[in-house]
Amino acid sequence: MLTLDLVGYSDAELKQAIAEHCAQLGVVTEVTIYRAAAPQERPFALVRMAGVDEVSRLAATFGDATLGNAVLIQLQQEARVPSFLRRF
């Protein structure tokens, strides 16, 4: 599972953020985002990696399942603190 600001990021920004997290474990070749359409559904990303070893490392770190050279990663909304509660 990967925790990110799903509400605040556009699809392009979300893809970039996921790619940056996953690139620590190998070469990312593609990121596909599936946002939840209903409240009971969970968003996820399908992240394709360049090699089998990279897929294994990514799956062990963030993944729920592997699909060939890709890893299915469940996404979770990070906690958002309202601005009036933040300390300055």
N, C-alpha and C. Protein backbone atom coordinates (compact mmCIF):
# COMPACT_ATOMS: atom_id res chain seq x y z
N MET A 1 0.84 -1.17 0.00
CA MET A 1 0.00 0.00 0.00
C MET A 1 0.89 1.24 0.00
N LEU A 2 0.41 2.24 -0.70
CA LEU A 2 1.14 3.49 -0.80
C LEU A 2 0.19 4.62 -0.39
N THR A 3 0.63 5.46 0.54
CA THR A 3 -0.19 6.55 1.05
C THR A 3 0.25 7.86 0.41
N LEU A 4 -0.70 8.51 -0.28
CA LEU A 4 -0.43 9.76 -0.99
C LEU A 4 -1.64 10.68 -0.87
N ASP A 5 -1.49 11.92 -1.33
CA ASP A 5 -2.60 12.87 -1.35
C ASP A 5 -3.41 12.64 -2.61
N LEU A 6 -4.33 11.71 -2.57
CA LEU A 6 -5.13 11.36 -3.74
C LEU A 6 -6.10 12.47 -4.13
N VAL A 7 -6.54 13.25 -3.16
CA VAL A 7 -7.50 14.32 -3.41
C VAL A 7 -6.81 15.54 -4.02
N GLY A 8 -5.63 15.86 -3.51
CA GLY A 8 -4.94 17.08 -3.92
C GLY A 8 -4.15 16.97 -5.21
N TYR A 9 -3.84 15.75 -5.66
CA TYR A 9 -3.03 15.57 -6.87
C TYR A 9 -3.90 15.35 -8.10
N SER A 10 -3.47 15.92 -9.20
CA SER A 10 -4.09 15.58 -10.49
C SER A 10 -3.58 14.19 -10.87
N ASP A 11 -4.14 13.60 -11.92
CA ASP A 11 -3.68 12.28 -12.36
C ASP A 11 -2.20 12.31 -12.72
N ALA A 12 -1.77 13.35 -13.42
CA ALA A 12 -0.36 13.47 -13.83
C ALA A 12 0.55 13.59 -12.60
N GLU A 13 0.15 14.39 -11.63
CA GLU A 13 0.95 14.55 -10.41
C GLU A 13 0.99 13.26 -9.61
N LEU A 14 -0.13 12.56 -9.57
CA LEU A 14 -0.19 11.29 -8.85
C LEU A 14 0.70 10.24 -9.51
N LYS A 15 0.67 10.17 -10.83
CA LYS A 15 1.55 9.25 -11.56
C LYS A 15 3.01 9.56 -11.26
N GLN A 16 3.36 10.83 -11.27
CA GLN A 16 4.73 11.25 -11.00
C GLN A 16 5.16 10.86 -9.58
N ALA A 17 4.29 11.10 -8.61
CA ALA A 17 4.60 10.77 -7.21
C ALA A 17 4.78 9.26 -7.04
N ILE A 18 3.93 8.47 -7.65
CA ILE A 18 4.04 7.01 -7.56
C ILE A 18 5.32 6.55 -8.23
N ALA A 19 5.61 7.09 -9.41
CA ALA A 19 6.84 6.73 -10.13
C ALA A 19 8.08 7.05 -9.30
N GLU A 20 8.08 8.20 -8.61
CA GLU A 20 9.23 8.57 -7.77
C GLU A 20 9.41 7.60 -6.61
N HIS A 21 8.33 7.20 -5.97
CA HIS A 21 8.42 6.22 -4.88
C HIS A 21 8.96 4.89 -5.39
N CYS A 22 8.43 4.44 -6.51
CA CYS A 22 8.78 3.13 -7.05
C CYS A 22 10.18 3.11 -7.68
N ALA A 23 10.64 4.26 -8.18
CA ALA A 23 11.95 4.34 -8.82
C ALA A 23 13.09 4.07 -7.85
N GLN A 24 12.82 4.15 -6.58
CA GLN A 24 13.84 3.82 -5.57
C GLN A 24 14.16 2.32 -5.61
N LEU A 25 13.28 1.53 -6.22
CA LEU A 25 13.44 0.08 -6.27
C LEU A 25 13.76 -0.45 -7.65
N GLY A 26 13.87 0.45 -8.65
CA GLY A 26 14.20 0.01 -10.00
C GLY A 26 13.65 0.97 -11.03
N VAL A 27 13.73 0.56 -12.28
CA VAL A 27 13.31 1.39 -13.41
C VAL A 27 11.81 1.21 -13.66
N VAL A 28 11.07 2.31 -13.52
CA VAL A 28 9.63 2.30 -13.76
C VAL A 28 9.40 2.59 -15.24
N THR A 29 8.62 1.75 -15.92
CA THR A 29 8.35 1.97 -17.34
C THR A 29 6.97 2.54 -17.60
N GLU A 30 6.02 2.32 -16.67
CA GLU A 30 4.67 2.84 -16.87
C GLU A 30 3.90 2.80 -15.55
N VAL A 31 3.06 3.80 -15.35
CA VAL A 31 2.17 3.86 -14.19
C VAL A 31 0.76 4.13 -14.70
N THR A 32 -0.18 3.28 -14.30
CA THR A 32 -1.58 3.46 -14.64
C THR A 32 -2.36 3.60 -13.35
N ILE A 33 -3.18 4.66 -13.26
CA ILE A 33 -3.94 4.96 -12.05
C ILE A 33 -5.39 4.54 -12.25
N TYR A 34 -5.96 3.93 -11.24
CA TYR A 34 -7.39 3.60 -11.22
C TYR A 34 -7.97 4.22 -9.96
N ARG A 35 -8.65 5.34 -10.13
CA ARG A 35 -9.26 6.03 -8.99
C ARG A 35 -10.58 5.34 -8.64
N ALA A 36 -10.96 5.40 -7.38
CA ALA A 36 -12.21 4.80 -6.93
C ALA A 36 -13.39 5.61 -7.46
N ALA A 37 -14.36 4.93 -8.03
CA ALA A 37 -15.54 5.61 -8.56
C ALA A 37 -16.64 5.71 -7.50
N ALA A 38 -16.59 4.85 -6.49
CA ALA A 38 -17.60 4.85 -5.43
C ALA A 38 -16.88 4.75 -4.08
N PRO A 39 -17.52 5.21 -3.01
CA PRO A 39 -16.87 5.22 -1.70
C PRO A 39 -16.38 3.86 -1.21
N GLN A 40 -17.06 2.78 -1.57
CA GLN A 40 -16.65 1.46 -1.10
C GLN A 40 -15.51 0.86 -1.94
N GLU A 41 -15.19 1.47 -3.06
CA GLU A 41 -14.10 0.99 -3.91
C GLU A 41 -12.78 1.58 -3.45
N ARG A 42 -11.69 0.87 -3.71
CA ARG A 42 -10.36 1.33 -3.33
C ARG A 42 -9.55 1.68 -4.57
N PRO A 43 -8.87 2.81 -4.55
CA PRO A 43 -8.03 3.17 -5.69
C PRO A 43 -6.74 2.32 -5.70
N PHE A 44 -6.19 2.13 -6.89
CA PHE A 44 -4.93 1.41 -6.99
C PHE A 44 -4.16 1.88 -8.20
N ALA A 45 -2.91 1.48 -8.24
CA ALA A 45 -2.04 1.78 -9.38
C ALA A 45 -1.45 0.48 -9.89
N LEU A 46 -1.27 0.40 -11.18
CA LEU A 46 -0.58 -0.71 -11.80
C LEU A 46 0.75 -0.15 -12.29
N VAL A 47 1.85 -0.61 -11.70
CA VAL A 47 3.17 -0.06 -11.99
C VAL A 47 4.01 -1.11 -12.71
N ARG A 48 4.40 -0.79 -13.94
CA ARG A 48 5.25 -1.70 -14.72
C ARG A 48 6.72 -1.34 -14.46
N MET A 49 7.51 -2.39 -14.29
CA MET A 49 8.93 -2.23 -14.04
C MET A 49 9.72 -2.86 -15.18
N ALA A 50 11.00 -2.50 -15.28
CA ALA A 50 11.83 -2.97 -16.39
C ALA A 50 12.24 -4.43 -16.27
N GLY A 51 12.45 -4.92 -15.04
CA GLY A 51 12.95 -6.27 -14.89
C GLY A 51 12.25 -7.08 -13.81
N VAL A 52 12.46 -8.38 -13.84
CA VAL A 52 11.83 -9.29 -12.90
C VAL A 52 12.28 -9.03 -11.46
N ASP A 53 13.56 -8.78 -11.27
CA ASP A 53 14.06 -8.49 -9.92
C ASP A 53 13.43 -7.22 -9.36
N GLU A 54 13.25 -6.22 -10.22
CA GLU A 54 12.63 -4.97 -9.79
C GLU A 54 11.16 -5.18 -9.41
N VAL A 55 10.48 -6.03 -10.17
CA VAL A 55 9.08 -6.37 -9.86
C VAL A 55 9.01 -7.03 -8.48
N SER A 56 9.92 -7.94 -8.22
CA SER A 56 9.94 -8.63 -6.92
C SER A 56 10.19 -7.66 -5.77
N ARG A 57 11.14 -6.75 -5.94
CA ARG A 57 11.43 -5.77 -4.88
C ARG A 57 10.24 -4.85 -4.64
N LEU A 58 9.62 -4.38 -5.73
CA LEU A 58 8.47 -3.50 -5.60
C LEU A 58 7.30 -4.21 -4.94
N ALA A 59 7.04 -5.44 -5.33
CA ALA A 59 5.93 -6.20 -4.74
C ALA A 59 6.17 -6.45 -3.26
N ALA A 60 7.40 -6.70 -2.89
CA ALA A 60 7.71 -6.94 -1.47
C ALA A 60 7.55 -5.66 -0.65
N THR A 61 7.77 -4.51 -1.26
CA THR A 61 7.71 -3.24 -0.54
C THR A 61 6.31 -2.63 -0.50
N PHE A 62 5.66 -2.53 -1.66
CA PHE A 62 4.38 -1.83 -1.75
C PHE A 62 3.23 -2.69 -2.26
N GLY A 63 3.53 -3.78 -2.91
CA GLY A 63 2.54 -4.45 -3.73
C GLY A 63 1.58 -5.40 -3.05
N ASP A 64 0.47 -5.58 -3.73
CA ASP A 64 -0.53 -6.54 -3.31
C ASP A 64 -0.47 -7.79 -4.20
N ALA A 65 -0.12 -7.60 -5.46
CA ALA A 65 -0.06 -8.72 -6.39
C ALA A 65 0.81 -8.34 -7.58
N THR A 66 1.33 -9.34 -8.26
CA THR A 66 2.10 -9.08 -9.48
C THR A 66 1.31 -9.61 -10.68
N LEU A 67 1.45 -8.90 -11.78
CA LEU A 67 0.81 -9.28 -13.03
C LEU A 67 1.87 -9.16 -14.12
N GLY A 68 2.56 -10.23 -14.41
CA GLY A 68 3.67 -10.18 -15.36
C GLY A 68 4.77 -9.29 -14.85
N ASN A 69 5.06 -8.21 -15.59
CA ASN A 69 6.12 -7.28 -15.18
C ASN A 69 5.55 -6.06 -14.46
N ALA A 70 4.34 -6.20 -13.90
CA ALA A 70 3.70 -5.09 -13.21
C ALA A 70 3.29 -5.51 -11.80
N VAL A 71 3.15 -4.50 -10.95
CA VAL A 71 2.74 -4.71 -9.56
C VAL A 71 1.48 -3.89 -9.30
N LEU A 72 0.51 -4.52 -8.69
CA LEU A 72 -0.72 -3.84 -8.29
C LEU A 72 -0.49 -3.26 -6.90
N ILE A 73 -0.63 -1.94 -6.79
CA ILE A 73 -0.37 -1.25 -5.52
C ILE A 73 -1.65 -0.53 -5.09
N GLN A 74 -2.15 -0.90 -3.93
CA GLN A 74 -3.32 -0.23 -3.38
C GLN A 74 -2.92 1.15 -2.90
N LEU A 75 -3.75 2.14 -3.19
CA LEU A 75 -3.48 3.52 -2.80
C LEU A 75 -4.39 3.92 -1.64
N GLN A 76 -3.85 4.75 -0.76
CA GLN A 76 -4.60 5.22 0.39
C GLN A 76 -4.41 6.72 0.53
N GLN A 77 -5.50 7.40 0.87
CA GLN A 77 -5.45 8.85 1.09
C GLN A 77 -4.65 9.14 2.36
N GLU A 78 -3.66 10.03 2.25
CA GLU A 78 -2.92 10.43 3.43
C GLU A 78 -3.78 11.34 4.29
N ALA A 79 -3.50 11.37 5.57
CA ALA A 79 -4.25 12.23 6.49
C ALA A 79 -4.01 13.68 6.11
N ARG A 80 -5.07 14.44 6.06
CA ARG A 80 -4.97 15.87 5.73
C ARG A 80 -5.40 16.66 6.95
N VAL A 81 -4.52 17.51 7.41
CA VAL A 81 -4.80 18.36 8.57
C VAL A 81 -5.31 19.70 8.06
N PRO A 82 -6.51 20.12 8.50
CA PRO A 82 -7.02 21.42 8.06
C PRO A 82 -6.06 22.54 8.45
N SER A 83 -6.00 23.56 7.63
CA SER A 83 -5.05 24.65 7.87
C SER A 83 -5.26 25.33 9.21
N PHE A 84 -6.49 25.42 9.70
CA PHE A 84 -6.71 26.10 10.97
C PHE A 84 -6.18 25.30 12.17
N LEU A 85 -5.87 24.01 11.95
CA LEU A 85 -5.31 23.19 13.03
C LEU A 85 -3.78 23.11 12.98
N ARG A 86 -3.18 23.58 11.89
CA ARG A 86 -1.72 23.52 11.77
C ARG A 86 -1.07 24.60 12.61
N ARG A 87 0.08 24.27 13.14
CA ARG A 87 0.87 25.27 13.87
C ARG A 87 1.76 26.00 12.88
N PHE A 88 1.94 27.26 13.12
CA PHE A 88 2.77 28.07 12.22
C PHE A 88 4.11 28.33 12.82
